[in-house]
Amino acid sequence: MDFVDILLNRFDGESELKKPTNALVCFTQPETGKRLSRLAFQIAMSRPDKSAITLLHFIDKKEEMQPTEETNGSQGMILADFMPKGEKSKITMRSFVRESDDHLADIMKMTEEQQCNLVLIGISYDELDLKVVERYSRLRSDPANPAAAILEQFTESEVKRLQEISSLVSRNSVPTGIFIDNGLTEGNNIFVPILSKADVHIFTFVHHTAQKENVKIMIWDAIGIIASEPKMQKLYQFIVKKTDGRVQLWNDDRKIEEEFIRKQDLVIIGVEGWVKLINAPLQWKESLPSTLIIKDITT
């Protein structure tokens, strides 16, 4: 069964789309955590009944715990600060603060303990510059580059973060998203490049994020899969209908300009598409907003 069939089965009868979201939101910078948790709300609000969001805030052992934080490291944050303004939601929220030298192990453990079906990791520009991520992905895409030689080109902190992300994505047993925070304020204008057939799983996330009334999603079908495959056309039309036309296709007769990219709040893209994007000679890459890179369990 190919990815498109898996998606069609997932959407068939809409039962899969109505399953509660149980998201784990991981971060070290509180502001990035707030932005990512609000994005998680946007995803979960399409199916709020019995949905939950767990916040996992990593701190260095040298950091002092705030007075509001309990000694067990749980419920250390003011949860209202991590919710969309004015939101009175059915979604359950819980928080944990962890002093940790092994984020990967803690994320895997928390995912299992909380029975999460979505893991989101937030990274601020202060922690890992987008250009560093691009260079690392580009070097790894060339099999002629030995792993040791690649890592020598980055700082110790960059290597730790890059390896952590790579290991988590490769070992994920649930859909996993890497959120590169570039100051996301609103998630209303979303750009979705489709650069690989393996990345069509992100249509699930397109459907969920488009449920918000003010959201507009532009899909750039760079490989022409929607036009060329009847099953994908069916899937696309289903999403358009269920989101009242808030999802649109980019007109390939038009060139994508930096001005358009600057107006976007968020890019949602699959892992394989991300690698292709950063290796492509596209000038507007330098203007990318906050980006959510997703790997589903189907890839």
C-alpha atoms as a PDB file:
ATOM      1  CA  MET A   1       0.000   0.000   0.000  1.00  0.00           C
ATOM      2  CA  ASP A   2       1.506   3.356  -1.016  1.00  0.00           C
ATOM      3  CA  PHE A   3       1.330   6.580   0.979  1.00  0.00           C
ATOM      4  CA  VAL A   4      -1.658   7.940  -0.912  1.00  0.00           C
ATOM      5  CA  ASP A   5      -3.683   4.791  -0.162  1.00  0.00           C
ATOM      6  CA  ILE A   6      -2.683   5.049   3.496  1.00  0.00           C
ATOM      7  CA  LEU A   7      -3.937   8.630   3.559  1.00  0.00           C
ATOM      8  CA  LEU A   8      -7.185   7.769   1.816  1.00  0.00           C
ATOM      9  CA  ASN A   9      -7.785   5.013   4.346  1.00  0.00           C
ATOM     10  CA  ARG A  10      -6.955   7.459   7.124  1.00  0.00           C
ATOM     11  CA  PHE A  11      -9.526   9.933   5.810  1.00  0.00           C
ATOM     12  CA  ASP A  12     -12.122   7.320   4.834  1.00  0.00           C
ATOM     13  CA  GLY A  13     -15.198   7.832   6.971  1.00  0.00           C
ATOM     14  CA  GLU A  14     -13.257  10.566   8.805  1.00  0.00           C
ATOM     15  CA  SER A  15     -12.911   8.331  11.867  1.00  0.00           C
ATOM     16  CA  GLU A  16      -9.148   8.800  11.891  1.00  0.00           C
ATOM     17  CA  LEU A  17      -9.524  12.571  11.653  1.00  0.00           C
ATOM     18  CA  LYS A  18     -11.710  12.625  14.765  1.00  0.00           C
ATOM     19  CA  LYS A  19      -9.293  10.755  17.001  1.00  0.00           C
ATOM     20  CA  PRO A  20      -8.046  12.892  19.919  1.00  0.00           C
ATOM     21  CA  THR A  21      -4.631  14.508  19.651  1.00  0.00           C
ATOM     22  CA  ASN A  22      -2.225  13.745  22.482  1.00  0.00           C
ATOM     23  CA  ALA A  23       0.738  15.984  21.743  1.00  0.00           C
ATOM     24  CA  LEU A  24       4.081  16.260  23.518  1.00  0.00           C
ATOM     25  CA  VAL A  25       5.598  19.741  23.094  1.00  0.00           C
ATOM     26  CA  CYS A  26       9.320  19.852  23.957  1.00  0.00           C
ATOM     27  CA  PHE A  27      11.508  22.953  24.240  1.00  0.00           C
ATOM     28  CA  THR A  28      14.279  24.719  26.141  1.00  0.00           C
ATOM     29  CA  GLN A  29      13.364  28.351  25.384  1.00  0.00           C
ATOM     30  CA  PRO A  30       9.995  29.315  26.965  1.00  0.00           C
ATOM     31  CA  GLU A  31       9.056  31.745  24.185  1.00  0.00           C
ATOM     32  CA  THR A  32       9.591  29.053  21.577  1.00  0.00           C
ATOM     33  CA  GLY A  33       7.571  26.687  23.771  1.00  0.00           C
ATOM     34  CA  LYS A  34       4.689  29.157  23.861  1.00  0.00           C
ATOM     35  CA  ARG A  35       4.687  29.573  20.082  1.00  0.00           C
ATOM     36  CA  LEU A  36       4.867  25.841  19.494  1.00  0.00           C
ATOM     37  CA  SER A  37       2.162  25.019  22.050  1.00  0.00           C
ATOM     38  CA  ARG A  38      -0.211  27.445  20.341  1.00  0.00           C
ATOM     39  CA  LEU A  39       0.513  25.717  17.055  1.00  0.00           C
ATOM     40  CA  ALA A  40      -0.213  22.390  18.770  1.00  0.00           C
ATOM     41  CA  PHE A  41      -3.534  23.870  19.900  1.00  0.00           C
ATOM     42  CA  GLN A  42      -4.301  24.787  16.312  1.00  0.00           C
ATOM     43  CA  ILE A  43      -3.702  21.182  15.257  1.00  0.00           C
ATOM     44  CA  ALA A  44      -5.631  19.707  18.180  1.00  0.00           C
ATOM     45  CA  MET A  45      -8.616  22.079  18.008  1.00  0.00           C
ATOM     46  CA  SER A  46      -9.995  20.191  15.004  1.00  0.00           C
ATOM     47  CA  ARG A  47     -10.705  17.329  17.439  1.00  0.00           C
ATOM     48  CA  PRO A  48     -10.686  18.853  20.953  1.00  0.00           C
ATOM     49  CA  ASP A  49     -12.692  16.228  22.848  1.00  0.00           C
ATOM     50  CA  LYS A  50     -10.303  14.223  25.032  1.00  0.00           C
ATOM     51  CA  SER A  51      -7.270  15.814  23.327  1.00  0.00           C
ATOM     52  CA  ALA A  52      -4.273  16.737  25.498  1.00  0.00           C
ATOM     53  CA  ILE A  53      -1.048  18.715  25.266  1.00  0.00           C
ATOM     54  CA  THR A  54       1.913  17.906  27.492  1.00  0.00           C
ATOM     55  CA  LEU A  55       4.641  20.528  27.832  1.00  0.00           C
ATOM     56  CA  LEU A  56       8.175  19.293  28.474  1.00  0.00           C
ATOM     57  CA  HIS A  57      10.520  22.147  29.367  1.00  0.00           C
ATOM     58  CA  PHE A  58      14.202  21.217  29.451  1.00  0.00           C
ATOM     59  CA  ILE A  59      16.518  23.287  31.632  1.00  0.00           C
ATOM     60  CA  ASP A  60      20.253  23.057  32.259  1.00  0.00           C
ATOM     61  CA  LYS A  61      21.298  21.712  35.619  1.00  0.00           C
ATOM     62  CA  LYS A  62      22.975  25.054  36.279  1.00  0.00           C
ATOM     63  CA  GLU A  63      19.689  26.921  35.912  1.00  0.00           C
ATOM     64  CA  GLU A  64      17.763  27.816  39.037  1.00  0.00           C
ATOM     65  CA  MET A  65      14.211  26.606  39.317  1.00  0.00           C
ATOM     66  CA  GLN A  66      11.680  29.424  39.496  1.00  0.00           C
ATOM     67  CA  PRO A  67       9.779  29.839  42.797  1.00  0.00           C
ATOM     68  CA  THR A  68       6.539  28.743  41.118  1.00  0.00           C
ATOM     69  CA  GLU A  69       8.024  25.427  40.108  1.00  0.00           C
ATOM     70  CA  GLU A  70       7.451  22.445  42.320  1.00  0.00           C
ATOM     71  CA  THR A  71      10.371  20.309  43.424  1.00  0.00           C
ATOM     72  CA  ASN A  72       9.188  17.325  41.410  1.00  0.00           C
ATOM     73  CA  GLY A  73       9.609  19.345  38.227  1.00  0.00           C
ATOM     74  CA  SER A  74       5.942  19.132  37.334  1.00  0.00           C
ATOM     75  CA  GLN A  75       3.464  21.954  36.722  1.00  0.00           C
ATOM     76  CA  GLY A  76       6.312  24.474  36.824  1.00  0.00           C
ATOM     77  CA  MET A  77       4.874  26.793  34.191  1.00  0.00           C
ATOM     78  CA  ILE A  78       1.863  29.049  34.113  1.00  0.00           C
ATOM     79  CA  LEU A  79      -0.193  27.050  31.651  1.00  0.00           C
ATOM     80  CA  ALA A  80      -2.347  30.000  30.634  1.00  0.00           C
ATOM     81  CA  ASP A  81       0.752  31.593  29.065  1.00  0.00           C
ATOM     82  CA  PHE A  82       1.018  28.655  26.693  1.00  0.00           C
ATOM     83  CA  MET A  83      -2.574  28.780  25.461  1.00  0.00           C
ATOM     84  CA  PRO A  84      -3.914  30.954  22.628  1.00  0.00           C
ATOM     85  CA  LYS A  85      -5.258  34.235  24.004  1.00  0.00           C
ATOM     86  CA  GLY A  86      -8.871  34.024  25.090  1.00  0.00           C
ATOM     87  CA  GLU A  87      -8.948  30.272  24.527  1.00  0.00           C
ATOM     88  CA  LYS A  88     -11.316  28.289  26.703  1.00  0.00           C
ATOM     89  CA  SER A  89     -10.619  24.826  25.494  1.00  0.00           C
ATOM     90  CA  LYS A  90     -11.657  21.293  26.211  1.00  0.00           C
ATOM     91  CA  ILE A  91      -8.040  20.337  25.609  1.00  0.00           C
ATOM     92  CA  THR A  92      -6.246  19.101  28.732  1.00  0.00           C
ATOM     93  CA  MET A  93      -2.848  20.663  29.461  1.00  0.00           C
ATOM     94  CA  ARG A  94      -0.088  19.445  31.729  1.00  0.00           C
ATOM     95  CA  SER A  95       3.530  20.523  32.135  1.00  0.00           C
ATOM     96  CA  PHE A  96       6.844  19.074  33.260  1.00  0.00           C
ATOM     97  CA  VAL A  97      10.241  20.674  33.832  1.00  0.00           C
ATOM     98  CA  ARG A  98      13.293  18.474  33.450  1.00  0.00           C
ATOM     99  CA  GLU A  99      16.972  18.947  34.267  1.00  0.00           C
ATOM    100  CA  SER A 100      18.425  16.729  31.579  1.00  0.00           C
ATOM    101  CA  ASP A 101      21.627  15.889  29.748  1.00  0.00           C
ATOM    102  CA  ASP A 102      19.809  13.421  27.497  1.00  0.00           C
ATOM    103  CA  HIS A 103      16.798  15.078  25.908  1.00  0.00           C
ATOM    104  CA  LEU A 104      16.241  12.196  23.512  1.00  0.00           C
ATOM    105  CA  ALA A 105      15.838   9.614  26.286  1.00  0.00           C
ATOM    106  CA  ASP A 106      13.463  11.878  28.213  1.00  0.00           C
ATOM    107  CA  ILE A 107      11.353  12.581  25.120  1.00  0.00           C
ATOM    108  CA  MET A 108      11.067   8.884  24.289  1.00  0.00           C
ATOM    109  CA  LYS A 109      10.152   8.067  27.891  1.00  0.00           C
ATOM    110  CA  MET A 110       7.574  10.850  28.169  1.00  0.00           C
ATOM    111  CA  THR A 111       6.033   9.888  24.820  1.00  0.00           C
ATOM    112  CA  GLU A 112       5.441   6.384  26.126  1.00  0.00           C
ATOM    113  CA  GLU A 113       4.281   7.441  29.606  1.00  0.00           C
ATOM    114  CA  GLN A 114       1.759   9.973  28.292  1.00  0.00           C
ATOM    115  CA  GLN A 115       0.752   7.749  25.334  1.00  0.00           C
ATOM    116  CA  CYS A 116       1.380  10.605  22.912  1.00  0.00           C
ATOM    117  CA  ASN A 117       0.470  10.291  19.241  1.00  0.00           C
ATOM    118  CA  LEU A 118       2.339  13.443  18.183  1.00  0.00           C
ATOM    119  CA  VAL A 119       5.740  14.796  19.260  1.00  0.00           C
ATOM    120  CA  LEU A 120       6.755  18.396  18.530  1.00  0.00           C
ATOM    121  CA  ILE A 121      10.240  19.733  19.291  1.00  0.00           C
ATOM    122  CA  GLY A 122      10.799  23.488  19.336  1.00  0.00           C
ATOM    123  CA  ILE A 123      14.156  25.026  18.449  1.00  0.00           C
ATOM    124  CA  SER A 124      14.819  28.766  18.537  1.00  0.00           C
ATOM    125  CA  TYR A 125      17.265  30.568  16.260  1.00  0.00           C
ATOM    126  CA  ASP A 126      19.425  31.210  19.331  1.00  0.00           C
ATOM    127  CA  GLU A 127      19.841  27.464  19.778  1.00  0.00           C
ATOM    128  CA  LEU A 128      20.337  26.433  16.174  1.00  0.00           C
ATOM    129  CA  ASP A 129      20.488  28.774  13.209  1.00  0.00           C
ATOM    130  CA  LEU A 130      18.485  27.707  10.165  1.00  0.00           C
ATOM    131  CA  LYS A 131      21.613  28.010   8.003  1.00  0.00           C
ATOM    132  CA  VAL A 132      23.351  25.466  10.249  1.00  0.00           C
ATOM    133  CA  VAL A 133      20.448  23.042   9.768  1.00  0.00           C
ATOM    134  CA  GLU A 134      20.590  23.616   6.002  1.00  0.00           C
ATOM    135  CA  ARG A 135      24.355  23.020   5.833  1.00  0.00           C
ATOM    136  CA  TYR A 136      24.115  19.878   7.959  1.00  0.00           C
ATOM    137  CA  SER A 137      21.280  18.434   5.851  1.00  0.00           C
ATOM    138  CA  ARG A 138      23.135  19.257   2.639  1.00  0.00           C
ATOM    139  CA  LEU A 139      26.330  17.561   3.832  1.00  0.00           C
ATOM    140  CA  ARG A 140      24.442  14.474   5.001  1.00  0.00           C
ATOM    141  CA  SER A 141      22.654  14.142   1.664  1.00  0.00           C
ATOM    142  CA  ASP A 142      26.021  13.455  -0.017  1.00  0.00           C
ATOM    143  CA  PRO A 143      27.074   9.843   0.708  1.00  0.00           C
ATOM    144  CA  ALA A 144      30.689  10.785  -0.063  1.00  0.00           C
ATOM    145  CA  ASN A 145      30.856  12.796   3.190  1.00  0.00           C
ATOM    146  CA  PRO A 146      31.910  10.650   6.195  1.00  0.00           C
ATOM    147  CA  ALA A 147      29.837  11.281   9.325  1.00  0.00           C
ATOM    148  CA  ALA A 148      32.897  12.229  11.400  1.00  0.00           C
ATOM    149  CA  ALA A 149      34.057  14.755   8.804  1.00  0.00           C
ATOM    150  CA  ILE A 150      30.592  16.338   8.746  1.00  0.00           C
ATOM    151  CA  LEU A 151      30.434  16.765  12.525  1.00  0.00           C
ATOM    152  CA  GLU A 152      33.872  18.393  12.624  1.00  0.00           C
ATOM    153  CA  GLN A 153      32.417  21.376  10.782  1.00  0.00           C
ATOM    154  CA  PHE A 154      30.066  22.297  13.638  1.00  0.00           C
ATOM    155  CA  THR A 155      30.422  23.429  17.236  1.00  0.00           C
ATOM    156  CA  GLU A 156      29.945  21.006  20.117  1.00  0.00           C
ATOM    157  CA  SER A 157      26.533  22.428  21.011  1.00  0.00           C
ATOM    158  CA  GLU A 158      25.418  22.344  17.365  1.00  0.00           C
ATOM    159  CA  VAL A 159      26.541  18.722  17.022  1.00  0.00           C
ATOM    160  CA  LYS A 160      24.633  17.705  20.155  1.00  0.00           C
ATOM    161  CA  ARG A 161      21.423  19.335  18.942  1.00  0.00           C
ATOM    162  CA  LEU A 162      21.740  18.056  15.364  1.00  0.00           C
ATOM    163  CA  GLN A 163      22.406  14.484  16.475  1.00  0.00           C
ATOM    164  CA  GLU A 164      19.528  14.646  18.938  1.00  0.00           C
ATOM    165  CA  ILE A 165      17.115  15.745  16.222  1.00  0.00           C
ATOM    166  CA  SER A 166      18.375  13.180  13.703  1.00  0.00           C
ATOM    167  CA  SER A 167      18.116  10.332  16.212  1.00  0.00           C
ATOM    168  CA  LEU A 168      14.628  11.305  17.301  1.00  0.00           C
ATOM    169  CA  VAL A 169      13.320  11.547  13.738  1.00  0.00           C
ATOM    170  CA  SER A 170      14.887   8.225  12.731  1.00  0.00           C
ATOM    171  CA  ARG A 171      13.576   6.411  15.817  1.00  0.00           C
ATOM    172  CA  ASN A 172      10.111   7.918  15.989  1.00  0.00           C
ATOM    173  CA  SER A 173       7.195   5.571  16.541  1.00  0.00           C
ATOM    174  CA  VAL A 174       4.679   8.421  16.272  1.00  0.00           C
ATOM    175  CA  PRO A 175       4.468  11.435  13.925  1.00  0.00           C
ATOM    176  CA  THR A 176       7.215  13.881  14.869  1.00  0.00           C
ATOM    177  CA  GLY A 177       7.649  17.551  14.004  1.00  0.00           C
ATOM    178  CA  ILE A 178      10.730  19.754  14.279  1.00  0.00           C
ATOM    179  CA  PHE A 179       9.674  23.376  14.762  1.00  0.00           C
ATOM    180  CA  ILE A 180      12.334  25.929  13.803  1.00  0.00           C
ATOM    181  CA  ASP A 181      11.137  29.107  15.484  1.00  0.00           C
ATOM    182  CA  ASN A 182      11.641  32.355  13.616  1.00  0.00           C
ATOM    183  CA  GLY A 183       9.368  34.469  15.807  1.00  0.00           C
ATOM    184  CA  LEU A 184       6.000  32.951  14.929  1.00  0.00           C
ATOM    185  CA  THR A 185       3.191  35.249  16.071  1.00  0.00           C
ATOM    186  CA  GLU A 186       0.182  34.143  14.042  1.00  0.00           C
ATOM    187  CA  GLY A 187      -0.372  30.893  12.204  1.00  0.00           C
ATOM    188  CA  ASN A 188      -2.836  32.271   9.695  1.00  0.00           C
ATOM    189  CA  ASN A 189      -0.822  32.234   6.466  1.00  0.00           C
ATOM    190  CA  ILE A 190       0.703  28.830   5.870  1.00  0.00           C
ATOM    191  CA  PHE A 191       2.821  27.708   2.915  1.00  0.00           C
ATOM    192  CA  VAL A 192       3.033  23.972   2.173  1.00  0.00           C
ATOM    193  CA  PRO A 193       5.601  22.873  -0.440  1.00  0.00           C
ATOM    194  CA  ILE A 194       5.145  19.330  -1.799  1.00  0.00           C
ATOM    195  CA  LEU A 195       8.566  18.341  -3.167  1.00  0.00           C
ATOM    196  CA  SER A 196       8.431  14.569  -2.642  1.00  0.00           C
ATOM    197  CA  LYS A 197       5.713  11.948  -2.954  1.00  0.00           C
ATOM    198  CA  ALA A 198       6.838  10.568   0.394  1.00  0.00           C
ATOM    199  CA  ASP A 199       5.736  13.818   2.022  1.00  0.00           C
ATOM    200  CA  VAL A 200       2.056  13.690   1.094  1.00  0.00           C
ATOM    201  CA  HIS A 201       1.365  12.592   4.679  1.00  0.00           C
ATOM    202  CA  ILE A 202       1.450  16.272   5.650  1.00  0.00           C
ATOM    203  CA  PHE A 203      -2.042  16.600   4.133  1.00  0.00           C
ATOM    204  CA  THR A 204      -3.264  15.295   7.494  1.00  0.00           C
ATOM    205  CA  PHE A 205      -1.702  18.345   9.157  1.00  0.00           C
ATOM    206  CA  VAL A 206      -3.009  20.607   6.390  1.00  0.00           C
ATOM    207  CA  HIS A 207      -6.516  19.403   7.197  1.00  0.00           C
ATOM    208  CA  HIS A 208      -6.161  19.962  10.951  1.00  0.00           C
ATOM    209  CA  THR A 209      -4.505  23.405  10.791  1.00  0.00           C
ATOM    210  CA  ALA A 210      -7.019  24.641   8.201  1.00  0.00           C
ATOM    211  CA  GLN A 211      -9.932  24.183  10.606  1.00  0.00           C
ATOM    212  CA  LYS A 212      -9.141  27.558  12.174  1.00  0.00           C
ATOM    213  CA  GLU A 213     -11.405  30.166  10.604  1.00  0.00           C
ATOM    214  CA  ASN A 214      -8.767  32.772   9.686  1.00  0.00           C
ATOM    215  CA  VAL A 215      -6.218  30.347   8.280  1.00  0.00           C
ATOM    216  CA  LYS A 216      -5.225  30.380   4.616  1.00  0.00           C
ATOM    217  CA  ILE A 217      -3.058  27.558   3.297  1.00  0.00           C
ATOM    218  CA  MET A 218      -1.234  27.688  -0.020  1.00  0.00           C
ATOM    219  CA  ILE A 219       0.040  24.363  -1.364  1.00  0.00           C
ATOM    220  CA  TRP A 220       2.906  24.438  -3.828  1.00  0.00           C
ATOM    221  CA  ASP A 221       2.639  21.116  -5.663  1.00  0.00           C
ATOM    222  CA  ALA A 222       6.124  21.270  -7.142  1.00  0.00           C
ATOM    223  CA  ILE A 223       6.003  17.663  -8.360  1.00  0.00           C
ATOM    224  CA  GLY A 224       2.512  17.841  -9.865  1.00  0.00           C
ATOM    225  CA  ILE A 225       1.211  14.901  -7.846  1.00  0.00           C
ATOM    226  CA  ILE A 226      -2.259  16.361  -7.285  1.00  0.00           C
ATOM    227  CA  ALA A 227      -2.857  16.955 -10.989  1.00  0.00           C
ATOM    228  CA  SER A 228      -1.337  13.662 -12.139  1.00  0.00           C
ATOM    229  CA  GLU A 229      -2.775  11.189  -9.620  1.00  0.00           C
ATOM    230  CA  PRO A 230      -6.585  10.805  -9.326  1.00  0.00           C
ATOM    231  CA  LYS A 231      -6.295   9.560  -5.727  1.00  0.00           C
ATOM    232  CA  MET A 232      -4.401  12.685  -4.725  1.00  0.00           C
ATOM    233  CA  GLN A 233      -6.935  14.841  -6.543  1.00  0.00           C
ATOM    234  CA  LYS A 234      -9.691  13.134  -4.551  1.00  0.00           C
ATOM    235  CA  LEU A 235      -7.804  13.719  -1.302  1.00  0.00           C
ATOM    236  CA  TYR A 236      -7.163  17.369  -2.134  1.00  0.00           C
ATOM    237  CA  GLN A 237     -10.813  18.005  -3.048  1.00  0.00           C
ATOM    238  CA  PHE A 238     -11.919  16.371   0.204  1.00  0.00           C
ATOM    239  CA  ILE A 239      -9.722  18.750   2.224  1.00  0.00           C
ATOM    240  CA  VAL A 240     -10.844  21.811   0.232  1.00  0.00           C
ATOM    241  CA  LYS A 241     -14.479  20.909   0.852  1.00  0.00           C
ATOM    242  CA  LYS A 242     -13.984  20.258   4.572  1.00  0.00           C
ATOM    243  CA  THR A 243     -12.093  23.535   5.088  1.00  0.00           C
ATOM    244  CA  ASP A 244     -14.474  25.824   3.185  1.00  0.00           C
ATOM    245  CA  GLY A 245     -11.915  26.634   0.520  1.00  0.00           C
ATOM    246  CA  ARG A 246      -9.211  27.831   2.927  1.00  0.00           C
ATOM    247  CA  VAL A 247      -6.770  25.500   1.158  1.00  0.00           C
ATOM    248  CA  GLN A 248      -5.603  26.516  -2.312  1.00  0.00           C
ATOM    249  CA  LEU A 249      -3.086  25.425  -4.941  1.00  0.00           C
ATOM    250  CA  TRP A 250      -0.277  27.691  -6.104  1.00  0.00           C
ATOM    251  CA  ASN A 251      -0.537  28.679  -9.768  1.00  0.00           C
ATOM    252  CA  ASP A 252       2.574  27.190 -11.386  1.00  0.00           C
ATOM    253  CA  ASP A 253       2.500  29.886 -14.052  1.00  0.00           C
ATOM    254  CA  ARG A 254       3.575  32.327 -11.343  1.00  0.00           C
ATOM    255  CA  LYS A 255       7.061  32.541  -9.902  1.00  0.00           C
ATOM    256  CA  ILE A 256       7.381  32.331  -6.127  1.00  0.00           C
ATOM    257  CA  GLU A 257       8.868  35.621  -4.946  1.00  0.00           C
ATOM    258  CA  GLU A 258      10.511  36.605  -1.675  1.00  0.00           C
ATOM    259  CA  GLU A 259       7.701  39.087  -1.075  1.00  0.00           C
ATOM    260  CA  PHE A 260       5.188  36.230  -0.947  1.00  0.00           C
ATOM    261  CA  ILE A 261       7.376  34.159   1.402  1.00  0.00           C
ATOM    262  CA  ARG A 262       7.814  37.115   3.765  1.00  0.00           C
ATOM    263  CA  LYS A 263       4.032  37.328   4.138  1.00  0.00           C
ATOM    264  CA  GLN A 264       3.817  33.729   5.345  1.00  0.00           C
ATOM    265  CA  ASP A 265       3.626  32.924   9.053  1.00  0.00           C
ATOM    266  CA  LEU A 266       4.621  29.294   8.779  1.00  0.00           C
ATOM    267  CA  VAL A 267       5.965  26.678   6.387  1.00  0.00           C
ATOM    268  CA  ILE A 268       4.856  23.057   6.836  1.00  0.00           C
ATOM    269  CA  ILE A 269       6.967  20.538   4.948  1.00  0.00           C
ATOM    270  CA  GLY A 270       7.930  16.851   5.077  1.00  0.00           C
ATOM    271  CA  VAL A 271      11.437  15.609   5.864  1.00  0.00           C
ATOM    272  CA  GLU A 272      12.312  14.539   2.321  1.00  0.00           C
ATOM    273  CA  GLY A 273      10.863  17.717   0.875  1.00  0.00           C
ATOM    274  CA  TRP A 274      12.909  19.743   3.362  1.00  0.00           C
ATOM    275  CA  VAL A 275      16.158  18.144   2.185  1.00  0.00           C
ATOM    276  CA  LYS A 276      15.249  18.882  -1.427  1.00  0.00           C
ATOM    277  CA  LEU A 277      14.234  22.436  -0.606  1.00  0.00           C
ATOM    278  CA  ILE A 278      17.478  23.410   1.080  1.00  0.00           C
ATOM    279  CA  ASN A 279      19.504  21.895  -1.766  1.00  0.00           C
ATOM    280  CA  ALA A 280      17.522  23.741  -4.429  1.00  0.00           C
ATOM    281  CA  PRO A 281      18.824  27.062  -5.871  1.00  0.00           C
ATOM    282  CA  LEU A 282      15.888  29.102  -4.590  1.00  0.00           C
ATOM    283  CA  GLN A 283      16.644  32.659  -3.557  1.00  0.00           C
ATOM    284  CA  TRP A 284      13.562  32.946  -1.357  1.00  0.00           C
ATOM    285  CA  LYS A 285      14.905  30.279   1.017  1.00  0.00           C
ATOM    286  CA  GLU A 286      16.706  33.068   2.868  1.00  0.00           C
ATOM    287  CA  SER A 287      13.318  34.564   3.815  1.00  0.00           C
ATOM    288  CA  LEU A 288      11.709  31.433   5.261  1.00  0.00           C
ATOM    289  CA  PRO A 289       9.468  32.087   8.276  1.00  0.00           C
ATOM    290  CA  SER A 290       9.083  29.636  11.157  1.00  0.00           C
ATOM    291  CA  THR A 291       9.118  26.116   9.742  1.00  0.00           C
ATOM    292  CA  LEU A 292       7.535  22.846  10.879  1.00  0.00           C
ATOM    293  CA  ILE A 293       9.325  19.815   9.418  1.00  0.00           C
ATOM    294  CA  ILE A 294       7.241  16.677   9.832  1.00  0.00           C
ATOM    295  CA  LYS A 295       7.983  12.992   9.640  1.00  0.00           C
ATOM    296  CA  ASP A 296       4.988  10.684   9.838  1.00  0.00           C
ATOM    297  CA  ILE A 297       5.105   7.021  10.770  1.00  0.00           C
ATOM    298  CA  THR A 298       4.312   6.238   7.120  1.00  0.00           C
ATOM    299  CA  THR A 299       7.730   7.539   5.985  1.00  0.00           C
END
